[in-house]
């Protein structure tokens, strides 16, 4: 299955609790941390929830 790389580009400080939990679920713990996840509708939904804190890297 296809994968996508996601990088956290902004701090989680001041973000609502649900967005912090979403970052934790994705495996992003600190700024400039990159993870590779499967490209599924669930992951796309998580990216949409925190779109202002993360960036999809090619």
Protein backbone atom coordinates (compact mmCIF):
# COMPACT_ATOMS: atom_id res chain seq x y z
CA UNK A 1 0.00 0.00 0.00
CA UNK A 2 1.13 3.57 -0.66
CA UNK A 3 2.67 5.62 2.12
CA UNK A 4 2.93 9.34 2.80
CA UNK A 5 5.48 11.28 4.82
CA UNK A 6 4.15 13.82 7.28
CA UNK A 7 6.27 16.46 9.00
CA UNK A 8 5.24 18.59 11.97
CA UNK A 9 6.09 22.20 11.11
CA UNK A 10 4.46 24.11 13.98
CA UNK A 11 4.40 23.67 17.73
CA UNK A 12 1.55 21.91 19.50
CA UNK A 13 1.62 24.49 22.31
CA UNK A 14 -1.74 26.23 22.48
CA UNK A 15 -3.48 23.65 20.29
CA UNK A 16 -6.75 22.10 21.49
CA UNK A 17 -6.60 18.72 23.20
CA UNK A 18 -8.07 16.83 20.24
CA UNK A 19 -5.34 18.16 17.93
CA UNK A 20 -2.62 17.18 20.41
CA UNK A 21 -4.10 13.68 20.60
CA UNK A 22 -4.19 13.50 16.80
CA UNK A 23 -0.49 14.38 16.61
CA UNK A 24 0.26 11.72 19.23
CA UNK A 25 -1.74 9.13 17.28
CA UNK A 26 0.20 9.97 14.14
CA UNK A 27 3.47 9.55 16.04
CA UNK A 28 4.55 13.19 15.85
CA UNK A 29 6.16 14.20 19.14
CA UNK A 30 8.08 17.40 18.37
CA UNK A 31 8.67 19.99 15.68
CA UNK A 32 10.48 18.92 12.49
CA UNK A 33 9.76 15.27 13.29
CA UNK A 34 8.78 13.21 10.23
CA UNK A 35 6.79 9.98 10.13
CA UNK A 36 5.76 7.71 7.30
CA UNK A 37 2.20 6.37 7.43
CA UNK A 38 -0.01 4.37 5.08
CA UNK A 39 -2.17 6.49 2.81
CA UNK A 40 -5.64 5.62 4.11
CA UNK A 41 -8.80 7.70 4.54
CA UNK A 42 -8.26 7.62 8.32
CA UNK A 43 -4.79 9.14 8.02
CA UNK A 44 -6.07 11.72 5.52
CA UNK A 45 -8.73 12.72 8.05
CA UNK A 46 -6.09 13.12 10.76
CA UNK A 47 -4.03 15.30 8.43
CA UNK A 48 -7.11 17.46 7.77
CA UNK A 49 -7.64 17.88 11.53
CA UNK A 50 -4.13 19.28 12.05
CA UNK A 51 -3.45 20.65 8.56
CA UNK A 52 -2.12 23.93 10.00
CA UNK A 53 0.48 22.10 12.12
CA UNK A 54 1.79 19.54 9.62
CA UNK A 55 3.04 19.33 6.06
CA UNK A 56 2.91 16.38 3.65
CA UNK A 57 6.44 15.81 2.37
CA UNK A 58 7.16 14.19 -1.00
